[in-house]
Amino acid sequence: MPRIPQTPQTDGSTTFDPDKFFEAWSKGELTPPYDNNFRRFVIRSFGLPLHDDYGYQATTEVTLLQAQTHVEFGAQGGLHGWYRDEGGAERSPPPTARDIAAYTDILRPTTNTAKALTGLAANAKRDSIRMDVANHLQSLYSPPAPERNLQVNKSKAHVNPSFDVWAWSNQNLEWAGPEPGTVRIKQAHAILPILYHHFGCVCPSYEALCLISLLAKGRTIVDMGSGNGYWTFMLRRLESGKKALKVVAVDSGLSEWRTMWIADTIESDGAKWLEKNNGAKDAVLLLVYPNTGQEFTSKMIKAYRGSTIIAASSQNASGFTAFAKETIAEWMAREMPGWTRVFQVPLPSFAGKDEALFAFERST
């Protein structure tokens, strides 16, 4: 039997339906846990038993009750210690709610990323965490060149539950964005494995989804290592009322996901699938949070015969994704000289993470 469910589902739920979930979210019938009752939010949103004790496995295993306990502990015991000096001591004061909101706004569908980044720096106090975040993000920001015509228009109608929950988590966890020291942060909060299981390992922004669509130019998108299918689901929803994007989801099935958003994941080793399908020569290769083990990222890139690679990955050398000691941009520049970076834009990064969307095109 296949390891990947061939129907959208949430383990332990008899009511979960992706389309109905999004409909309820768009109507405000489901919302992030603004009362900070994270456990109740997950149970209600995904239709889980009241006394749910599922073990969410990531780097560690956690239950909803354990995660809720950590939420209620707040910043005690260094649980919100995302900003530390080189000696490991927590920086003080922590970011303000206004600073956190200013960072979050950069990634909203209603803002212009470049202008929001400028505003983040312009209103930052000298030597503050906000200033360090602004300088860091601006130093790495590389939008598409104007001549490529990859212009993303703002949207007030875009629905993205993962983003809304991420925005809530920023305020709750006192996270105002990544800065140079984020690469040294190895801790994670207990709610992270739960968000992984239900929404995937990294949150897609509206800008990221639009850039993928624009760069694809009608080509099929191969979501390689698609996980629980949230990015595939969001890409397919993107052009509602227009011609839908064609996205093929491929995954080995080695990882367990409590929620599956799609019903048509192809269960296969990625390199073997590419070999059988002419290296996806006429498609775009999408790598969302590619793992660092078994040379996964390099194998997929080398097996791909097309001209466009897009990756949602770490933009520091934390080793969380793609490569253990360098970013995917650094690896591509050294190992794949026939490729050119098209853009690098920030993604919604969970507390303690520093992620971006990268795009590369074959130049020779």
Protein backbone atom coordinates (compact mmCIF):
# COMPACT_ATOMS: atom_id res chain seq x y z
CA MET A 1 0.00 0.00 0.00
CA PRO A 2 1.19 3.56 -0.69
CA ARG A 3 2.47 5.49 2.30
CA ILE A 4 1.00 8.76 1.03
CA PRO A 5 -2.79 9.08 1.45
CA GLN A 6 -4.59 9.45 -1.85
CA THR A 7 -7.23 11.70 -0.39
CA PRO A 8 -7.06 15.00 1.48
CA GLN A 9 -7.25 14.25 5.18
CA THR A 10 -6.22 15.04 8.71
CA ASP A 11 -5.37 12.00 10.81
CA GLY A 12 -7.98 11.68 13.55
CA SER A 13 -10.51 13.98 11.88
CA THR A 14 -13.75 12.96 10.19
CA THR A 15 -14.65 16.47 9.04
CA PHE A 16 -11.52 17.98 7.45
CA ASP A 17 -12.00 19.18 3.89
CA PRO A 18 -9.45 21.59 2.35
CA ASP A 19 -11.93 23.63 0.32
CA LYS A 20 -14.37 23.95 3.22
CA PHE A 21 -11.46 24.86 5.51
CA PHE A 22 -10.52 27.76 3.22
CA GLU A 23 -14.14 28.81 2.81
CA ALA A 24 -14.59 28.96 6.59
CA TRP A 25 -11.32 30.88 6.91
CA SER A 26 -12.33 33.42 4.27
CA LYS A 27 -15.61 34.05 6.12
CA GLY A 28 -13.87 34.49 9.48
CA GLU A 29 -15.51 31.36 10.89
CA LEU A 30 -12.01 30.03 11.52
CA THR A 31 -9.26 32.39 12.70
CA PRO A 32 -5.81 32.22 14.30
CA PRO A 33 -5.78 31.71 18.10
CA TYR A 34 -5.92 35.38 19.05
CA ASP A 35 -6.84 34.27 22.58
CA ASN A 36 -3.55 32.29 22.59
CA ASN A 37 -5.39 28.99 23.08
CA PHE A 38 -3.36 27.24 20.41
CA ARG A 39 -4.52 23.75 21.37
CA ARG A 40 -8.20 24.64 21.04
CA PHE A 41 -7.51 26.39 17.74
CA VAL A 42 -5.96 23.27 16.17
CA ILE A 43 -8.67 20.96 17.54
CA ARG A 44 -11.49 23.18 16.29
CA SER A 45 -9.95 24.07 12.94
CA PHE A 46 -9.08 20.52 11.91
CA GLY A 47 -11.99 18.72 13.57
CA LEU A 48 -9.94 16.75 16.09
CA PRO A 49 -11.08 14.92 19.24
CA LEU A 50 -11.32 17.10 22.34
CA HIS A 51 -8.70 15.03 24.16
CA ASP A 52 -6.40 14.62 21.17
CA ASP A 53 -3.01 13.16 22.11
CA TYR A 54 -1.40 12.74 18.68
CA GLY A 55 2.40 12.88 18.79
CA TYR A 56 3.63 15.48 16.31
CA GLN A 57 7.04 14.25 15.22
CA ALA A 58 9.70 16.61 13.86
CA THR A 59 13.14 16.91 15.45
CA THR A 60 11.28 16.08 18.67
CA GLU A 61 7.79 14.81 19.41
CA VAL A 62 5.18 17.06 20.98
CA THR A 63 1.46 16.87 21.74
CA LEU A 64 -1.06 19.70 21.56
CA LEU A 65 -1.21 19.85 25.35
CA GLN A 66 2.57 20.15 25.63
CA ALA A 67 2.65 22.87 22.99
CA GLN A 68 -0.10 24.78 24.78
CA THR A 69 1.87 24.58 28.01
CA HIS A 70 4.85 26.15 26.25
CA VAL A 71 2.63 28.90 24.86
CA GLU A 72 1.40 29.66 28.38
CA PHE A 73 4.97 29.75 29.73
CA GLY A 74 5.59 32.73 27.45
CA ALA A 75 9.18 33.96 27.54
CA GLN A 76 10.09 32.08 30.72
CA GLY A 77 13.23 29.96 30.60
CA GLY A 78 14.47 31.54 27.39
CA LEU A 79 11.59 30.16 25.30
CA HIS A 80 11.54 33.43 23.36
CA GLY A 81 15.31 33.78 23.22
CA TRP A 82 15.59 34.35 19.47
CA TYR A 83 17.98 37.27 19.74
CA ARG A 84 21.32 36.64 21.42
CA ASP A 85 24.74 38.23 21.36
CA GLU A 86 27.84 36.32 20.30
CA GLY A 87 28.30 35.13 23.88
CA GLY A 88 24.84 33.57 23.91
CA ALA A 89 23.17 36.08 26.24
CA GLU A 90 19.69 37.29 25.35
CA ARG A 91 19.55 40.79 23.93
CA SER A 92 17.46 43.37 25.74
CA PRO A 93 14.95 44.85 25.32
CA PRO A 94 12.94 42.39 23.20
CA PRO A 95 11.27 43.72 20.06
CA THR A 96 8.10 45.74 20.55
CA ALA A 97 4.70 44.72 19.19
CA ARG A 98 5.03 47.55 16.66
CA ASP A 99 8.41 46.28 15.47
CA ILE A 100 7.00 42.77 15.12
CA ALA A 101 4.04 44.07 13.12
CA ALA A 102 6.37 46.07 10.85
CA TYR A 103 8.32 42.90 10.03
CA THR A 104 5.15 40.88 9.46
CA ASP A 105 3.76 43.54 7.14
CA ILE A 106 6.69 43.07 4.74
CA LEU A 107 5.26 39.71 3.72
CA ARG A 108 1.57 40.64 3.52
CA PRO A 109 -0.23 40.50 0.15
CA THR A 110 -1.32 44.11 0.66
CA THR A 111 2.19 45.61 0.80
CA ASN A 112 5.08 46.27 -1.55
CA THR A 113 8.10 44.33 -0.27
CA ALA A 114 10.74 46.88 -1.24
CA LYS A 115 8.85 49.80 0.29
CA ALA A 116 8.04 47.83 3.45
CA LEU A 117 11.71 46.92 3.89
CA THR A 118 12.64 50.58 3.55
CA GLY A 119 10.04 51.50 6.15
CA LEU A 120 11.32 48.84 8.53
CA ALA A 121 14.75 50.47 8.52
CA ALA A 122 13.59 54.08 8.42
CA ASN A 123 11.63 53.78 11.65
CA ALA A 124 14.15 51.64 13.55
CA LYS A 125 16.12 52.87 16.54
CA ARG A 126 19.88 52.74 16.29
CA ASP A 127 21.44 49.45 17.50
CA SER A 128 17.99 47.92 17.96
CA ILE A 129 16.90 44.42 16.96
CA ARG A 130 14.60 46.03 14.41
CA MET A 131 17.53 47.83 12.79
CA ASP A 132 19.56 44.62 12.63
CA VAL A 133 16.62 42.77 11.07
CA ALA A 134 16.08 45.53 8.51
CA ASN A 135 19.74 45.72 7.51
CA HIS A 136 19.97 41.93 7.28
CA LEU A 137 16.89 41.53 5.10
CA GLN A 138 17.85 44.43 2.85
CA SER A 139 21.37 43.06 2.36
CA LEU A 140 19.96 39.76 1.07
CA TYR A 141 17.00 41.14 -0.87
CA SER A 142 17.44 40.69 -4.62
CA PRO A 143 14.15 41.29 -6.46
CA PRO A 144 13.68 40.39 -10.13
CA ALA A 145 15.17 42.82 -12.62
CA PRO A 146 12.51 45.19 -14.05
CA GLU A 147 13.06 43.92 -17.60
CA ARG A 148 11.85 40.47 -16.58
CA ASN A 149 8.32 41.82 -16.03
CA LEU A 150 7.74 39.76 -12.90
CA GLN A 151 5.56 42.41 -11.30
CA VAL A 152 3.39 41.25 -8.38
CA ASN A 153 0.25 43.28 -7.76
CA LYS A 154 -1.13 43.70 -4.27
CA SER A 155 -4.16 41.69 -3.19
CA LYS A 156 -6.81 42.21 -0.53
CA ALA A 157 -8.63 38.99 -1.39
CA HIS A 158 -5.83 36.43 -0.98
CA VAL A 159 -6.63 33.75 1.60
CA ASN A 160 -3.74 31.97 3.32
CA PRO A 161 -4.44 30.41 6.75
CA SER A 162 -0.78 29.45 7.18
CA PHE A 163 0.27 33.09 6.83
CA ASP A 164 -2.35 34.29 9.30
CA VAL A 165 -1.26 31.75 11.91
CA TRP A 166 2.38 32.69 11.28
CA ALA A 167 1.52 36.37 11.84
CA TRP A 168 -0.13 35.47 15.15
CA SER A 169 2.90 33.40 16.19
CA ASN A 170 5.23 36.35 15.60
CA GLN A 171 3.47 38.43 18.24
CA ASN A 172 3.02 35.53 20.62
CA LEU A 173 6.67 34.44 20.42
CA GLU A 174 8.12 37.99 20.25
CA TRP A 175 9.69 37.37 16.85
CA ALA A 176 10.52 40.41 14.72
CA GLY A 177 12.40 38.64 11.93
CA PRO A 178 15.84 37.17 11.22
CA GLU A 179 19.11 39.03 11.71
CA PRO A 180 22.78 37.99 11.32
CA GLY A 181 22.80 36.12 14.63
CA THR A 182 19.82 33.95 13.64
CA VAL A 183 22.24 31.48 12.05
CA ARG A 184 23.39 30.54 15.57
CA ILE A 185 19.88 29.88 16.92
CA LYS A 186 19.24 26.16 17.20
CA GLN A 187 16.22 26.19 19.51
CA ALA A 188 12.65 25.99 18.23
CA HIS A 189 9.29 26.49 19.88
CA ALA A 190 6.98 23.56 20.63
CA ILE A 191 4.26 24.81 18.29
CA LEU A 192 6.56 24.44 15.27
CA PRO A 193 6.15 20.66 14.72
CA ILE A 194 2.39 21.15 14.83
CA LEU A 195 2.49 23.89 12.22
CA TYR A 196 4.78 21.70 10.11
CA HIS A 197 2.31 18.81 10.18
CA HIS A 198 -0.73 20.91 9.31
CA PHE A 199 0.67 23.61 7.00
CA GLY A 200 4.08 22.39 5.82
CA CYS A 201 7.63 23.34 6.73
CA VAL A 202 7.62 26.91 5.42
CA CYS A 203 4.82 29.38 4.78
CA PRO A 204 4.24 30.57 1.20
CA SER A 205 3.72 34.31 0.86
CA TYR A 206 1.43 35.78 -1.77
CA GLU A 207 4.47 37.33 -3.45
CA ALA A 208 6.21 33.95 -3.58
CA LEU A 209 3.22 32.21 -5.13
CA CYS A 210 2.81 34.95 -7.73
CA LEU A 211 6.50 34.94 -8.64
CA ILE A 212 6.39 31.18 -9.15
CA SER A 213 3.36 31.58 -11.41
CA LEU A 214 4.91 34.44 -13.39
CA LEU A 215 8.23 32.67 -13.84
CA ALA A 216 6.52 29.44 -14.92
CA LYS A 217 4.89 31.21 -17.89
CA GLY A 218 2.32 28.47 -18.36
CA ARG A 219 4.71 25.58 -17.82
CA THR A 220 3.96 22.72 -15.45
CA ILE A 221 5.43 23.15 -11.98
CA VAL A 222 6.95 20.03 -10.41
CA ASP A 223 6.70 20.34 -6.63
CA MET A 224 9.52 17.94 -5.78
CA GLY A 225 9.44 16.75 -2.17
CA SER A 226 5.92 18.13 -1.87
CA GLY A 227 5.34 16.97 1.70
CA ASN A 228 1.73 17.49 2.75
CA GLY A 229 0.94 19.39 -0.44
CA TYR A 230 0.16 22.81 1.03
CA TRP A 231 2.28 24.70 -1.54
CA THR A 232 0.77 22.68 -4.39
CA PHE A 233 -2.71 23.39 -3.03
CA MET A 234 -1.99 27.12 -2.73
CA LEU A 235 -0.52 27.34 -6.23
CA ARG A 236 -3.53 25.58 -7.72
CA ARG A 237 -5.84 28.01 -5.91
CA LEU A 238 -3.87 31.07 -6.99
CA GLU A 239 -5.59 31.82 -10.29
CA SER A 240 -9.15 31.12 -9.28
CA GLY A 241 -11.42 32.17 -12.12
CA LYS A 242 -8.54 32.08 -14.61
CA LYS A 243 -6.52 29.24 -16.09
CA ALA A 244 -5.32 27.21 -13.12
CA LEU A 245 -1.65 26.43 -12.69
CA LYS A 246 -0.68 22.85 -13.43
CA VAL A 247 1.30 21.52 -10.48
CA VAL A 248 2.60 17.96 -10.20
CA ALA A 249 3.41 16.91 -6.63
CA VAL A 250 6.12 14.26 -6.14
CA ASP A 251 7.24 12.90 -2.78
CA SER A 252 9.00 9.81 -1.45
CA GLY A 253 6.53 9.37 1.40
CA LEU A 254 9.30 8.97 3.96
CA SER A 255 7.96 11.76 6.19
CA GLU A 256 4.69 11.59 8.09
CA TRP A 257 2.16 14.42 7.86
CA ARG A 258 -0.96 14.67 9.95
CA THR A 259 -2.72 16.78 7.33
CA MET A 260 -2.66 16.14 3.58
CA TRP A 261 -4.05 18.95 1.43
CA ILE A 262 -4.09 17.15 -1.93
CA ALA A 263 -5.16 13.75 -3.25
CA ASP A 264 -2.77 13.20 -6.13
CA THR A 265 0.77 13.13 -4.74
CA ILE A 266 2.95 10.85 -6.86
CA GLU A 267 4.86 8.57 -4.50
CA SER A 268 8.33 8.17 -5.97
CA ASP A 269 12.00 8.76 -5.42
CA GLY A 270 12.61 12.19 -6.91
CA ALA A 271 15.67 11.38 -9.01
CA LYS A 272 14.00 8.26 -10.43
CA TRP A 273 10.87 10.22 -11.29
CA LEU A 274 12.92 12.85 -13.10
CA GLU A 275 14.81 10.15 -14.98
CA LYS A 276 11.56 8.55 -16.14
CA ASN A 277 10.09 11.91 -17.16
CA ASN A 278 12.88 13.31 -19.35
CA GLY A 279 14.31 15.31 -16.47
CA ALA A 280 11.13 17.45 -16.42
CA LYS A 281 12.74 19.29 -19.34
CA ASP A 282 9.70 21.43 -20.13
CA ALA A 283 8.68 22.09 -16.52
CA VAL A 284 9.74 24.26 -13.60
CA LEU A 285 11.42 22.48 -10.69
CA LEU A 286 10.14 23.65 -7.30
CA LEU A 287 11.99 22.60 -4.14
CA VAL A 288 10.17 23.59 -0.95
CA TYR A 289 12.29 23.24 2.19
CA PRO A 290 14.51 20.52 0.66
CA ASN A 291 16.14 18.38 3.32
CA THR A 292 19.89 18.28 3.81
CA GLY A 293 20.21 14.51 4.04
CA GLN A 294 21.24 12.03 1.34
CA GLU A 295 22.37 14.84 -0.98
CA PHE A 296 18.72 15.35 -1.90
CA THR A 297 19.03 18.91 -3.22
CA SER A 298 22.11 18.35 -5.38
CA LYS A 299 20.66 15.12 -6.80
CA MET A 300 17.41 16.83 -7.83
CA ILE A 301 19.20 19.78 -9.41
CA LYS A 302 21.61 17.57 -11.35
CA ALA A 303 18.81 15.25 -12.53
CA TYR A 304 16.69 18.17 -13.76
CA ARG A 305 16.99 18.98 -17.48
CA GLY A 306 14.79 22.06 -17.61
CA SER A 307 15.68 25.73 -17.36
CA THR A 308 14.07 27.07 -14.17
CA ILE A 309 14.66 26.07 -10.55
CA ILE A 310 12.80 27.69 -7.66
CA ALA A 311 13.59 26.88 -4.03
CA ALA A 312 12.08 27.87 -0.70
CA SER A 313 15.10 27.49 1.52
CA SER A 314 17.27 28.99 4.26
CA GLN A 315 19.14 32.17 3.34
CA ASN A 316 21.74 31.58 6.01
CA ALA A 317 24.12 28.68 6.66
CA SER A 318 22.03 27.21 9.49
CA GLY A 319 21.89 23.80 7.82
CA PHE A 320 18.10 23.55 8.21
CA THR A 321 17.52 23.11 4.47
CA ALA A 322 19.25 22.24 1.20
CA PHE A 323 22.90 22.16 2.32
CA ALA A 324 24.47 21.70 5.74
CA LYS A 325 27.02 24.52 5.64
CA GLU A 326 25.94 26.92 2.89
CA THR A 327 22.90 28.37 1.17
CA ILE A 328 21.49 27.08 -2.07
CA ALA A 329 22.60 30.33 -3.74
CA GLU A 330 26.20 29.77 -2.68
CA TRP A 331 26.13 26.15 -3.85
CA MET A 332 24.58 27.06 -7.21
CA ALA A 333 27.15 29.79 -7.84
CA ARG A 334 30.01 27.35 -7.26
CA GLU A 335 28.68 24.05 -8.60
CA MET A 336 26.34 25.17 -11.40
CA PRO A 337 28.10 28.02 -13.25
CA GLY A 338 25.71 27.73 -16.17
CA TRP A 339 22.88 29.05 -14.01
CA THR A 340 21.98 32.62 -13.03
CA ARG A 341 20.07 33.75 -9.95
CA VAL A 342 16.85 35.51 -10.98
CA PHE A 343 15.73 36.67 -7.55
CA GLN A 344 15.96 36.10 -3.81
CA VAL A 345 13.05 37.44 -1.77
CA PRO A 346 12.21 36.88 1.91
CA LEU A 347 9.62 34.34 2.98
CA PRO A 348 7.59 34.32 6.20
CA SER A 349 10.19 32.89 8.57
CA PHE A 350 9.10 31.16 11.75
CA ALA A 351 10.80 32.22 14.99
CA GLY A 352 14.49 31.33 14.83
CA LYS A 353 14.49 30.73 11.06
CA ASP A 354 15.66 32.77 8.06
CA GLU A 355 14.04 31.71 4.81
CA ALA A 356 13.70 33.04 1.29
CA LEU A 357 12.44 32.12 -2.15
CA PHE A 358 15.27 31.67 -4.66
CA ALA A 359 14.96 31.36 -8.42
CA PHE A 360 17.61 30.31 -10.92
CA GLU A 361 17.55 30.05 -14.70
CA ARG A 362 19.85 28.19 -17.03
CA SER A 363 22.01 30.74 -18.83
CA THR A 364 24.14 28.41 -20.98
